[in-house]
Amino acid sequence: MRNPAGLYDVIDDFTEVPVGLPLVAALTGFADAGAAVTQLSDYLLDTLEHVTLVRFDNDKLLDYRARRPMIYFDQDHIADYTPASLNLYLAHDELGQQFLLLTGYEPDFQWDRFTAAVVGLIDKYQVKSSTWVHAIPMPVPHTRPISVTVSGNRTELIDAMSIWKPRTQAPGNALHLIEYRLQELGHPVAGFVLLIPHYLADTEYPLAAVTAIESLSAATGLIFPTDSLRESGRDFLTKIDDQVENNPELAKLVATLEERHDSYLQDNPMRSPLTDEDGELPSADSIAAELQNFLAMRRDDDSPSI
């Protein structure tokens, strides 16, 4: 394998990085239901003090034709160009506690080399633990707290927080591979999968970001500001509840999801909260008409697009 360090440039080699910091990772490009990872990354970078330590090379890792960068056209010329970014930052939480933050796009190429590069940086900075988040759509109701599935080797987090422990095959992402390699090395690592209501998966769902932050706090002890996200989440849910109240078919769908969710939690903790009594996922055809009506209704008003 070519030198993994060739995938990145050290931007700031003069800032003193204490040993034993936690690493938090959030990469976009996979199934970012509710825009949880996007919101989390933007929120942390917008609200917390941070400096860039390492910048990964877009030309080696990014498929530009699949994820085209944004340009700004001003009447007759290109006024600005915004490249994608994948960086490692030294950041401070609300109490001033330092941590490392790896965020940006998920690499399209050279996953093994990228994984080796991240593992090498974890070793260089003597990282204490690594925690990452992503979010997937699931047939669960928005009227219940967002649940998580926890992977990795931190059994205290898995036992306390993981609501669903499936045995299944699923498409992987780059952070899955990093988690797998870190487990092999015995490095403390935890991955949080947020289970987002499928009918809200294409929205920017503020409470998804709140749950991501709460998960990171539980794993690291870091404290992040969430007041504005929580307020946005309350406003968002009020609008959704108004839509449900005025749509009997959608109300019935939500009630069915609630019943399945609550029954799972109460009666059978080893069965998926997403399946019926026979272990089958709800049919897409059975809810298509209600969801289409709901989508059409959402497009016609000013509330968040679903």
Foldseek 3Di string as FASTA:
>chain_A
DPQLPVFKDFPDPPDDQAAAAEEEEAADDDQAFLVQSVVLVVQQVVPWDKDFGMWGDCVAFPDCVVPPWDWDDDPDDTPDTDDWTWTWMWIAAPVGDTHIYTYTHFTPDDLVSNLVNVVVVCVVRNYQEYEYEGEHEAQAAPVDQWAKAKDADPVVCRVPGHQADDDDDDDDTSVVVSRVVCVVVVHHYMYIYTHHHNLRRPWNQLSSNVVVQVSVCVVRVGDHDCVVSVVVNVVQVVVVVVLLVVQVLSVVSNVVNVVLQVCCVPPPSHADSQADPVNDHDDCVVCVVVSVVSQVVQVPDDHIHD
